[in-house]
Amino acid sequence: MQIKPAHPDDAARLVEIWYRGWHQAHADVVPPALTALRSFEEFTMRMRVHLKHTQVVWVEGQIAGFFMVDLSLIHISEPTRLRRI
C-alpha cells in the first residue's frame, strides 16, 4: 500500500469512488432531495476544489481509496472494502 498526493489524472477515479460510496452509504437514509443534489457532476466539482488536499491510497498499482485532509473524509473503493489490505 502506498499513499501519494492526488494528481489531476486521478480525479475521475476518485470522483467515481466518492459518488458510488456516498450513494451506497447515504441514499437510503437521507431525504430524497439531498440524494438528488448529490449528482456525479456535483462530486466532480467538489473534487476539483478539494483535490489539492487529497491523498490517494494505492494498492497493487490501482487506486484503492482516498482521504481529504481538509474535510476529514475517507473513502475506499468497493472492491477494496471487500478484501483486507
C-alpha atoms as a PDB file:
ATOM      1  CA  MET A   1       0.000   0.000   0.000  1.00  0.00           C
ATOM      2  CA  GLN A   2       1.216   3.492  -0.872  1.00  0.00           C
ATOM      3  CA  ILE A   3      -0.223   6.891  -0.059  1.00  0.00           C
ATOM      4  CA  LYS A   4       0.512   9.689  -2.511  1.00  0.00           C
ATOM      5  CA  PRO A   5      -0.795  13.213  -3.101  1.00  0.00           C
ATOM      6  CA  ALA A   6      -3.653  13.267  -5.605  1.00  0.00           C
ATOM      7  CA  HIS A   7      -2.823  14.206  -9.173  1.00  0.00           C
ATOM      8  CA  PRO A   8      -5.321  15.698 -11.633  1.00  0.00           C
ATOM      9  CA  ASP A   9      -5.129  12.446 -13.618  1.00  0.00           C
ATOM     10  CA  ASP A  10      -6.553  10.635 -10.548  1.00  0.00           C
ATOM     11  CA  ALA A  11      -9.632  12.847 -10.280  1.00  0.00           C
ATOM     12  CA  ALA A  12     -12.048  10.835 -12.440  1.00  0.00           C
ATOM     13  CA  ARG A  13     -11.439   7.615 -10.482  1.00  0.00           C
ATOM     14  CA  LEU A  14     -11.647   9.469  -7.166  1.00  0.00           C
ATOM     15  CA  VAL A  15     -14.990  11.007  -8.136  1.00  0.00           C
ATOM     16  CA  GLU A  16     -16.290   7.569  -9.099  1.00  0.00           C
ATOM     17  CA  ILE A  17     -15.301   6.147  -5.703  1.00  0.00           C
ATOM     18  CA  TRP A  18     -16.747   9.148  -3.829  1.00  0.00           C
ATOM     19  CA  TYR A  19     -20.012   9.199  -5.792  1.00  0.00           C
ATOM     20  CA  ARG A  20     -20.649   5.448  -5.518  1.00  0.00           C
ATOM     21  CA  GLY A  21     -19.603   5.304  -1.871  1.00  0.00           C
ATOM     22  CA  TRP A  22     -21.786   8.249  -0.894  1.00  0.00           C
ATOM     23  CA  HIS A  23     -24.838   6.789  -2.614  1.00  0.00           C
ATOM     24  CA  GLN A  24     -24.260   3.309  -1.178  1.00  0.00           C
ATOM     25  CA  ALA A  25     -23.924   4.718   2.343  1.00  0.00           C
ATOM     26  CA  HIS A  26     -26.449   7.550   2.334  1.00  0.00           C
ATOM     27  CA  ALA A  27     -29.104   7.243  -0.365  1.00  0.00           C
ATOM     28  CA  ASP A  28     -31.443   5.127   1.768  1.00  0.00           C
ATOM     29  CA  VAL A  29     -31.124   7.236   4.908  1.00  0.00           C
ATOM     30  CA  VAL A  30     -31.192  10.876   3.789  1.00  0.00           C
ATOM     31  CA  PRO A  31     -34.064  12.838   2.262  1.00  0.00           C
ATOM     32  CA  PRO A  32     -34.573  12.171  -1.471  1.00  0.00           C
ATOM     33  CA  ALA A  33     -33.964  15.852  -2.195  1.00  0.00           C
ATOM     34  CA  LEU A  34     -30.424  15.588  -0.819  1.00  0.00           C
ATOM     35  CA  THR A  35     -29.776  12.412  -2.802  1.00  0.00           C
ATOM     36  CA  ALA A  36     -30.908  14.237  -5.951  1.00  0.00           C
ATOM     37  CA  LEU A  37     -28.401  17.017  -5.271  1.00  0.00           C
ATOM     38  CA  ARG A  38     -25.515  14.550  -4.996  1.00  0.00           C
ATOM     39  CA  SER A  39     -25.007  14.072  -8.732  1.00  0.00           C
ATOM     40  CA  PHE A  40     -21.832  12.831 -10.371  1.00  0.00           C
ATOM     41  CA  GLU A  41     -21.291  16.363 -11.670  1.00  0.00           C
ATOM     42  CA  GLU A  42     -21.613  17.801  -8.151  1.00  0.00           C
ATOM     43  CA  PHE A  43     -18.972  15.399  -6.842  1.00  0.00           C
ATOM     44  CA  THR A  44     -16.746  16.282  -9.826  1.00  0.00           C
ATOM     45  CA  MET A  45     -16.992  19.972  -8.928  1.00  0.00           C
ATOM     46  CA  ARG A  46     -16.253  19.245  -5.265  1.00  0.00           C
ATOM     47  CA  MET A  47     -13.241  17.120  -6.204  1.00  0.00           C
ATOM     48  CA  ARG A  48     -11.789  19.994  -8.249  1.00  0.00           C
ATOM     49  CA  VAL A  49     -11.995  22.204  -5.167  1.00  0.00           C
ATOM     50  CA  HIS A  50     -10.514  19.665  -2.749  1.00  0.00           C
ATOM     51  CA  LEU A  51      -8.006  17.799  -4.947  1.00  0.00           C
ATOM     52  CA  LYS A  52      -5.046  19.723  -3.503  1.00  0.00           C
ATOM     53  CA  HIS A  53      -5.981  18.414  -0.026  1.00  0.00           C
ATOM     54  CA  THR A  54      -6.484  14.822  -1.180  1.00  0.00           C
ATOM     55  CA  GLN A  55      -4.224  11.834  -0.597  1.00  0.00           C
ATOM     56  CA  VAL A  56      -4.666   8.706  -2.716  1.00  0.00           C
ATOM     57  CA  VAL A  57      -4.279   5.164  -1.427  1.00  0.00           C
ATOM     58  CA  TRP A  58      -2.721   2.812  -3.995  1.00  0.00           C
ATOM     59  CA  VAL A  59      -2.807  -0.984  -3.694  1.00  0.00           C
ATOM     60  CA  GLU A  60      -1.128  -3.173  -6.299  1.00  0.00           C
ATOM     61  CA  GLY A  61      -0.876  -0.257  -8.742  1.00  0.00           C
ATOM     62  CA  GLN A  62      -4.576   0.637  -8.506  1.00  0.00           C
ATOM     63  CA  ILE A  63      -6.364   3.451  -6.725  1.00  0.00           C
ATOM     64  CA  ALA A  64      -7.978   1.799  -3.703  1.00  0.00           C
ATOM     65  CA  GLY A  65      -9.309   4.872  -1.934  1.00  0.00           C
ATOM     66  CA  PHE A  66      -8.565   8.393  -0.828  1.00  0.00           C
ATOM     67  CA  PHE A  67      -8.818  10.804   2.027  1.00  0.00           C
ATOM     68  CA  MET A  68      -9.225  14.554   2.146  1.00  0.00           C
ATOM     69  CA  VAL A  69      -7.366  16.277   4.916  1.00  0.00           C
ATOM     70  CA  ASP A  70      -9.442  19.462   4.749  1.00  0.00           C
ATOM     71  CA  LEU A  71     -12.786  17.624   5.017  1.00  0.00           C
ATOM     72  CA  SER A  72     -11.730  14.693   7.209  1.00  0.00           C
ATOM     73  CA  LEU A  73     -13.205  12.269   4.660  1.00  0.00           C
ATOM     74  CA  ILE A  74     -12.011   8.735   3.992  1.00  0.00           C
ATOM     75  CA  HIS A  75     -13.401   6.785   1.025  1.00  0.00           C
ATOM     76  CA  ILE A  76     -12.417   3.298  -0.079  1.00  0.00           C
ATOM     77  CA  SER A  77     -13.332   1.672  -3.383  1.00  0.00           C
ATOM     78  CA  GLU A  78     -15.887  -1.135  -3.212  1.00  0.00           C
ATOM     79  CA  PRO A  79     -13.515  -3.936  -4.319  1.00  0.00           C
ATOM     80  CA  THR A  80     -11.016  -2.861  -1.682  1.00  0.00           C
ATOM     81  CA  ARG A  81     -13.693  -2.744   1.032  1.00  0.00           C
ATOM     82  CA  LEU A  82     -14.462  -6.366   0.254  1.00  0.00           C
ATOM     83  CA  ARG A  83     -10.921  -7.594   0.986  1.00  0.00           C
ATOM     84  CA  ARG A  84      -8.280  -6.955   3.600  1.00  0.00           C
ATOM     85  CA  ILE A  85      -5.366  -4.705   2.707  1.00  0.00           C
END
